[in-house]
Amino acid sequence: MKYLSTFSGIGGFELGIQQSNLKAECIGFSEVDKYAKAIYQYHYPNHKDYGDITNINESELPDFNLFVGGFPCQAFSIAGKRQGFEDTRGTLFFDVARILSAKRPAWFVLENVKGLLNHDAGKTFATIYGVLTELGYSVGWEVVNSCHFGVPQNRERIFIVGHLRTEGGRAGEILPFGKENKGVAERTIKAPIARTFTAGGNSGGMHSSMTLIKAIDTKQNGPPRFSNYCHSLGANDYKEPKKVMITEPVKAVLTPNRLEKRQDGRRFKDNDEPSFTLTSQDKHGVQVGTEIRRLTPKECERLQGFPDDWTKFGIIDGEIIEISDTQKYKTLGNAVTVNPIISIMNRISEQNIKPKG
């Protein structure tokens, strides 16, 4: 199978496909953010760069079987006027539809924010759904929470899967997941977020006066509490870090320096809950005892299902560069979580789609 990657970010779809059972080759990618593209090209230097999707000439694309992308949701200026394909002009979804119409891949997988469903009182999603079905696709969709797929992050995103009706399959064979992942969800939610924060023996950075090193489940009466070896960083700590033992719950924190900022009315989680949704705008932290520190980029990588140091390097103008923490946070906040992609691609793999062309 061959696939085209659009709005590719730092390669969440690519990594998910690689880790799934789907045997797929990328014909090329499309991304415009400078640093996301740099990280992507560091990991996938041989993938053809098609640049801005609005400049892609669909007639020059080779055939492919699968289209993937986390397209952004902009306001549809005339959405809901029942003009079908024409309703999407002026939006990036128009370019998605344009390529699907020309190339007719057997499958597509699209990702977007949950708010797409109620944007413009539901008219935007109705337009998108209508266009995709008019193009000949059987379309299924579901709001998927990353915490149901093995990462302790409460991240709800809508996935839209389509299968070309002439290929004889149904998108309903892929979505919805329903209760299939209930056991995974329960195990993930009950697992300490500290295990993600400290997996591998260190938290991967020094972003305040405290960095977690190790978490131990003490299995006390009631909910689990965690003993954390922490060290206060000083000028000479690179020689011999100081260590202290504390026994406090570990809690996820959202933008601690902005008291009015909340997700679903909250700024602190309990220590047995998934973290807040990572975004490119907010600052995310962890509270241990009476101290709060910012999540490190490495911890954010883990919350999104990426390997440690995935965002450490990038390639710009043929040169390998180190990515700043600011850009790491931004690109990770905009990324697609890898784990749900793995599950979706495994389901597509089970359909035994034959390569096109």
Protein backbone atom coordinates (compact mmCIF):
# COMPACT_ATOMS: atom_id res chain seq x y z
CA MET A 1 0.00 0.00 0.00
CA LYS A 2 1.11 3.55 -0.73
CA TYR A 3 -0.01 6.66 1.14
CA LEU A 4 0.14 10.45 0.93
CA SER A 5 0.69 12.37 4.18
CA THR A 6 -0.72 15.90 4.49
CA PHE A 7 -0.60 18.41 7.35
CA SER A 8 2.13 16.01 8.47
CA GLY A 9 3.42 17.85 11.53
CA ILE A 10 6.25 15.96 13.21
CA GLY A 11 5.23 12.61 11.76
CA GLY A 12 2.58 11.19 14.11
CA PHE A 13 0.74 9.48 11.26
CA GLU A 14 4.01 8.13 9.87
CA LEU A 15 5.13 6.70 13.19
CA GLY A 16 1.70 5.18 13.80
CA ILE A 17 1.74 3.54 10.39
CA GLN A 18 5.26 2.23 10.98
CA GLN A 19 4.28 0.69 14.32
CA SER A 20 1.08 -0.87 12.94
CA ASN A 21 0.60 -4.03 10.91
CA LEU A 22 -0.07 -2.01 7.77
CA LYS A 23 2.66 -2.36 5.19
CA ALA A 24 2.69 1.08 3.63
CA GLU A 25 5.11 3.26 1.69
CA CYS A 26 4.90 7.05 1.82
CA ILE A 27 4.85 8.73 -1.62
CA GLY A 28 5.36 12.14 -0.04
CA PHE A 29 4.29 14.63 2.61
CA SER A 30 2.96 18.17 2.95
CA GLU A 31 3.74 20.51 5.86
CA VAL A 32 4.30 24.27 6.08
CA ASP A 33 5.40 24.87 9.68
CA LYS A 34 9.16 25.41 9.56
CA TYR A 35 10.12 23.49 12.69
CA ALA A 36 7.56 20.71 12.42
CA LYS A 37 8.82 20.12 8.91
CA ALA A 38 12.42 20.15 10.12
CA ILE A 39 11.69 17.45 12.71
CA TYR A 40 9.75 15.43 10.14
CA GLN A 41 12.59 15.55 7.63
CA TYR A 42 15.12 14.56 10.29
CA HIS A 43 13.22 11.30 10.79
CA TYR A 44 12.03 10.81 7.21
CA PRO A 45 14.71 12.34 4.97
CA ASN A 46 13.72 10.22 1.98
CA HIS A 47 10.06 11.27 1.87
CA LYS A 48 9.29 13.59 -1.04
CA ASP A 49 8.37 17.11 0.08
CA TYR A 50 5.28 18.45 -1.71
CA GLY A 51 5.29 21.67 0.29
CA ASP A 52 2.09 23.64 0.83
CA ILE A 53 -0.98 21.52 0.05
CA THR A 54 -2.58 24.46 -1.73
CA ASN A 55 0.23 24.31 -4.31
CA ILE A 56 0.04 20.57 -4.95
CA ASN A 57 -0.89 19.74 -8.55
CA GLU A 58 -3.01 16.65 -8.08
CA SER A 59 -2.45 15.56 -11.68
CA GLU A 60 1.25 15.19 -10.97
CA LEU A 61 0.81 12.93 -7.94
CA PRO A 62 1.51 9.22 -8.36
CA ASP A 63 -1.29 6.82 -7.47
CA PHE A 64 -1.72 5.97 -3.80
CA ASN A 65 -4.17 3.92 -1.71
CA LEU A 66 -4.38 5.93 1.51
CA PHE A 67 -4.67 9.64 2.26
CA VAL A 68 -3.91 10.84 5.81
CA GLY A 69 -3.84 14.23 7.45
CA GLY A 70 -4.78 16.32 10.47
CA PHE A 71 -6.31 19.20 8.56
CA PRO A 72 -7.05 22.45 10.41
CA CYS A 73 -10.61 23.69 10.85
CA GLN A 74 -11.07 27.21 9.53
CA ALA A 75 -14.38 29.00 9.26
CA PHE A 76 -16.31 27.91 6.19
CA SER A 77 -17.57 31.23 4.85
CA ILE A 78 -20.61 29.73 3.14
CA ALA A 79 -20.88 26.42 4.96
CA GLY A 80 -24.38 25.06 5.25
CA LYS A 81 -25.71 26.53 1.99
CA ARG A 82 -25.82 23.01 0.51
CA GLN A 83 -23.49 23.74 -2.37
CA GLY A 84 -21.44 20.65 -1.62
CA PHE A 85 -17.89 20.80 -2.95
CA GLU A 86 -18.21 24.54 -3.63
CA ASP A 87 -18.94 25.21 0.05
CA THR A 88 -15.39 24.28 0.95
CA ARG A 89 -13.58 26.74 -1.33
CA GLY A 90 -11.25 29.04 0.54
CA THR A 91 -10.54 26.41 3.18
CA LEU A 92 -7.79 23.81 3.40
CA PHE A 93 -10.40 21.07 3.42
CA PHE A 94 -11.08 22.05 -0.20
CA ASP A 95 -7.55 20.90 -1.02
CA VAL A 96 -8.16 17.60 0.76
CA ALA A 97 -11.34 17.09 -1.27
CA ARG A 98 -9.63 18.20 -4.47
CA ILE A 99 -6.91 15.55 -4.14
CA LEU A 100 -9.37 12.83 -3.10
CA SER A 101 -11.55 13.64 -6.08
CA ALA A 102 -8.65 13.43 -8.52
CA LYS A 103 -6.73 10.44 -7.13
CA ARG A 104 -9.54 8.29 -5.65
CA PRO A 105 -7.49 6.49 -2.98
CA ALA A 106 -9.26 3.52 -1.43
CA TRP A 107 -8.93 4.95 2.09
CA PHE A 108 -8.56 8.23 3.89
CA VAL A 109 -8.00 8.97 7.59
CA LEU A 110 -8.50 12.56 8.76
CA GLU A 111 -8.02 14.02 12.25
CA ASN A 112 -9.34 17.24 13.74
CA VAL A 113 -10.31 18.86 17.03
CA LYS A 114 -13.51 17.75 18.73
CA GLY A 115 -14.95 21.22 18.25
CA LEU A 116 -15.31 20.54 14.52
CA LEU A 117 -18.56 18.76 15.35
CA ASN A 118 -20.31 21.84 16.70
CA HIS A 119 -18.56 24.51 14.63
CA ASP A 120 -21.18 26.81 13.11
CA ALA A 121 -23.95 24.83 14.82
CA GLY A 122 -22.81 21.64 13.10
CA LYS A 123 -23.02 23.04 9.57
CA THR A 124 -19.28 22.79 8.95
CA PHE A 125 -19.12 19.09 9.76
CA ALA A 126 -22.30 18.45 7.77
CA THR A 127 -20.64 20.10 4.77
CA ILE A 128 -17.46 18.04 5.18
CA TYR A 129 -19.41 14.81 5.60
CA GLY A 130 -21.58 15.63 2.60
CA VAL A 131 -18.63 16.36 0.34
CA LEU A 132 -16.85 13.15 1.29
CA THR A 133 -19.92 11.03 0.61
CA GLU A 134 -20.51 12.85 -2.70
CA LEU A 135 -17.00 11.85 -3.69
CA GLY A 136 -18.05 8.22 -3.40
CA TYR A 137 -16.82 7.32 0.08
CA SER A 138 -18.44 5.38 2.85
CA VAL A 139 -17.64 7.62 5.82
CA GLY A 140 -17.37 6.86 9.53
CA TRP A 141 -16.33 9.12 12.36
CA GLU A 142 -15.73 8.98 16.10
CA VAL A 143 -14.43 11.24 18.85
CA VAL A 144 -11.44 9.31 20.19
CA ASN A 145 -9.71 9.99 23.50
CA SER A 146 -5.97 9.27 23.56
CA CYS A 147 -6.23 8.02 27.14
CA HIS A 148 -8.12 4.98 25.79
CA PHE A 149 -5.08 3.95 23.77
CA GLY A 150 -2.32 3.62 26.32
CA VAL A 151 -1.17 7.18 27.01
CA PRO A 152 -2.23 9.09 30.16
CA GLN A 153 -3.45 12.19 28.32
CA ASN A 154 -7.06 13.29 28.11
CA ARG A 155 -7.02 14.30 24.44
CA GLU A 156 -10.27 14.10 22.49
CA ARG A 157 -9.97 14.32 18.73
CA ILE A 158 -12.37 13.44 15.94
CA PHE A 159 -11.19 10.87 13.42
CA ILE A 160 -12.94 10.59 10.07
CA VAL A 161 -12.32 7.43 8.04
CA GLY A 162 -13.50 6.88 4.50
CA HIS A 163 -13.46 3.88 2.20
CA LEU A 164 -14.21 4.19 -1.52
CA ARG A 165 -17.50 2.41 -2.14
CA THR A 166 -16.33 1.03 -5.48
CA GLU A 167 -13.65 -0.89 -3.57
CA GLY A 168 -16.34 -2.95 -1.87
CA GLY A 169 -15.65 -2.05 1.78
CA ARG A 170 -17.18 0.03 4.54
CA ALA A 171 -15.67 2.65 6.82
CA GLY A 172 -17.87 1.12 9.53
CA GLU A 173 -15.40 -1.75 9.66
CA ILE A 174 -12.82 0.69 11.05
CA LEU A 175 -14.84 3.10 13.22
CA PRO A 176 -16.29 3.31 15.76
CA PHE A 177 -14.05 1.62 18.29
CA GLY A 178 -16.86 1.66 20.83
CA LYS A 179 -15.98 -0.16 24.04
CA GLU A 180 -13.15 -2.18 22.53
CA ASN A 181 -10.52 -0.17 24.38
CA LYS A 182 -12.31 0.03 27.73
CA GLY A 183 -9.79 -2.23 29.44
CA VAL A 184 -6.88 -0.22 28.06
CA ALA A 185 -8.55 2.98 29.21
CA GLU A 186 -9.06 1.71 32.75
CA ARG A 187 -5.48 0.50 33.05
CA THR A 188 -4.15 3.76 31.69
CA ILE A 189 -6.24 6.00 33.92
CA LYS A 190 -5.29 4.00 37.00
CA ALA A 191 -1.60 4.09 36.10
CA PRO A 192 0.30 7.03 37.59
CA ILE A 193 1.02 9.87 35.26
CA ALA A 194 4.41 9.92 36.99
CA ARG A 195 5.33 6.72 35.18
CA THR A 196 5.08 8.57 31.92
CA PHE A 197 6.91 11.55 33.38
CA THR A 198 9.77 9.44 34.71
CA ALA A 199 9.93 6.41 32.41
CA GLY A 200 13.48 5.39 31.64
CA GLY A 201 14.92 6.84 34.83
CA ASN A 202 14.82 10.58 34.24
CA SER A 203 12.41 13.28 33.21
CA GLY A 204 14.57 14.63 30.45
CA GLY A 205 15.12 18.23 31.38
CA MET A 206 15.67 20.95 33.97
CA HIS A 207 12.85 23.44 33.66
CA SER A 208 12.49 24.59 37.25
CA SER A 209 13.92 23.91 40.69
CA MET A 210 12.63 20.35 40.72
CA THR A 211 12.83 17.43 38.32
CA LEU A 212 11.46 13.97 39.03
CA ILE A 213 13.96 11.13 38.77
CA LYS A 214 12.18 7.99 39.88
CA ALA A 215 8.66 6.95 40.89
CA ILE A 216 7.83 4.04 43.20
CA ASP A 217 4.30 2.74 43.78
CA THR A 218 3.94 2.35 47.56
CA LYS A 219 0.48 0.70 47.40
CA GLN A 220 -0.80 2.36 50.53
CA ASN A 221 -4.36 2.05 51.74
CA GLY A 222 -6.69 3.76 49.30
CA PRO A 223 -5.53 5.26 45.98
CA PRO A 224 -1.86 4.69 45.05
CA ARG A 225 0.63 7.29 46.22
CA PHE A 226 4.10 7.62 44.87
CA SER A 227 7.47 8.11 46.47
CA ASN A 228 9.54 10.31 44.22
CA TYR A 229 13.24 10.90 44.32
CA CYS A 230 13.65 14.56 43.43
CA HIS A 231 16.61 16.87 43.33
CA SER A 232 16.85 20.60 43.69
CA LEU A 233 19.03 21.94 40.93
CA GLY A 234 21.89 24.18 41.90
CA ALA A 235 24.91 25.66 40.21
CA ASN A 236 27.04 22.59 40.92
CA ASP A 237 24.36 19.94 40.51
CA TYR A 238 25.77 18.77 37.22
CA LYS A 239 28.63 17.35 39.35
CA GLU A 240 26.65 15.70 42.15
CA PRO A 241 22.88 16.33 42.24
CA LYS A 242 21.27 16.55 45.63
CA LYS A 243 18.47 14.06 46.30
CA VAL A 244 15.58 14.20 48.71
CA MET A 245 12.73 11.77 49.34
CA ILE A 246 9.15 12.99 49.31
CA THR A 247 5.92 11.04 49.50
CA GLU A 248 3.26 13.07 47.77
CA PRO A 249 0.71 12.48 45.01
CA VAL A 250 1.73 13.53 41.52
CA LYS A 251 -0.78 15.77 39.74
CA ALA A 252 -0.99 17.25 36.27
CA VAL A 253 -1.28 21.05 36.19
CA LEU A 254 -2.49 23.36 33.42
CA THR A 255 -0.82 26.76 32.88
CA PRO A 256 -0.12 27.44 36.58
CA ASN A 257 0.77 31.09 35.97
CA ARG A 258 -2.67 31.86 34.50
CA LEU A 259 -5.29 31.47 37.18
CA GLU A 260 -8.19 31.94 34.76
CA LYS A 261 -7.03 29.22 32.35
CA ARG A 262 -8.93 25.95 32.57
CA GLN A 263 -9.86 22.84 30.62
CA ASP A 264 -13.36 21.63 31.42
CA GLY A 265 -13.33 23.99 34.41
CA ARG A 266 -10.17 22.54 35.97
CA ARG A 267 -6.51 23.43 36.37
CA PHE A 268 -5.35 20.49 38.52
CA LYS A 269 -5.88 16.76 38.07
CA ASP A 270 -5.87 14.06 40.69
CA ASN A 271 -2.79 11.87 40.70
CA ASP A 272 -4.62 8.88 39.19
CA GLU A 273 -6.07 10.85 36.26
CA PRO A 274 -4.71 11.37 32.73
CA SER A 275 -2.99 14.67 32.06
CA PHE A 276 -4.68 17.65 30.43
CA THR A 277 -4.77 17.87 26.64
CA LEU A 278 -1.43 19.12 25.36
CA THR A 279 -1.79 22.24 23.26
CA SER A 280 0.62 24.56 21.51
CA GLN A 281 -0.61 27.59 23.49
CA ASP A 282 -0.71 26.38 27.10
CA LYS A 283 2.00 25.57 29.61
CA HIS A 284 1.67 22.15 31.20
CA GLY A 285 3.15 21.16 34.52
CA VAL A 286 3.28 18.59 37.27
CA GLN A 287 2.73 19.17 40.96
CA VAL A 288 4.60 17.07 43.48
CA GLY A 289 3.86 18.03 47.05
CA THR A 290 3.94 21.80 47.26
CA GLU A 291 6.10 22.32 44.20
CA ILE A 292 5.11 22.74 40.57
CA ARG A 293 7.38 22.48 37.58
CA ARG A 294 6.79 22.58 33.87
CA LEU A 295 6.57 19.36 31.89
CA THR A 296 9.72 18.72 29.95
CA PRO A 297 9.61 18.21 26.18
CA LYS A 298 10.55 14.57 26.72
CA GLU A 299 7.53 14.08 28.95
CA CYS A 300 5.31 15.72 26.33
CA GLU A 301 6.73 13.34 23.73
CA ARG A 302 5.71 10.42 25.93
CA LEU A 303 2.22 11.82 26.43
CA GLN A 304 1.84 11.96 22.65
CA GLY A 305 3.23 8.46 22.08
CA PHE A 306 6.55 9.54 20.55
CA PRO A 307 9.95 8.09 21.52
CA ASP A 308 12.16 10.13 23.81
CA ASP A 309 14.00 12.97 22.03
CA TRP A 310 11.85 12.70 18.90
CA THR A 311 11.80 16.50 18.69
CA LYS A 312 15.42 17.09 19.67
CA PHE A 313 16.77 17.55 16.16
CA GLY A 314 15.59 18.82 12.81
CA ILE A 315 16.92 19.46 9.33
CA ILE A 316 16.75 22.93 7.79
CA ASP A 317 18.48 23.74 4.49
CA GLY A 318 20.28 20.42 4.66
CA GLU A 319 21.80 21.12 8.08
CA ILE A 320 20.97 19.26 11.30
CA ILE A 321 19.92 21.71 14.01
CA GLU A 322 18.83 21.42 17.63
CA ILE A 323 15.19 22.37 18.11
CA SER A 324 14.45 24.93 20.83
CA ASP A 325 12.18 23.95 23.71
CA THR A 326 9.69 26.59 22.56
CA GLN A 327 9.31 24.87 19.20
CA LYS A 328 9.27 21.42 20.79
CA TYR A 329 6.29 22.38 22.94
CA LYS A 330 4.50 23.99 19.99
CA THR A 331 4.97 21.12 17.57
CA LEU A 332 4.08 18.49 20.17
CA GLY A 333 0.94 20.39 21.12
CA ASN A 334 -0.12 20.38 17.48
CA ALA A 335 0.80 16.74 16.88
CA VAL A 336 -1.50 13.77 16.45
CA THR A 337 -1.14 11.15 19.20
CA VAL A 338 0.58 8.11 17.74
CA ASN A 339 -1.32 5.36 19.59
CA PRO A 340 -4.81 5.85 18.06
CA ILE A 341 -3.19 5.89 14.61
CA ILE A 342 -1.68 2.47 15.28
CA SER A 343 -5.10 1.04 16.14
CA ILE A 344 -6.81 2.58 13.09
CA MET A 345 -4.08 1.37 10.73
CA ASN A 346 -4.24 -2.13 12.23
CA ARG A 347 -7.93 -2.22 11.39
CA ILE A 348 -7.29 -1.03 7.85
CA SER A 349 -4.60 -3.68 7.51
CA GLU A 350 -7.14 -6.33 8.44
CA GLN A 351 -9.21 -5.39 5.37
CA ASN A 352 -6.50 -6.82 3.08
CA ILE A 353 -6.61 -3.92 0.65
CA LYS A 354 -4.75 -4.66 -2.57
CA PRO A 355 -2.29 -2.01 -3.80
CA LYS A 356 -3.60 0.32 -6.50
CA GLY A 357 -1.73 0.46 -9.78
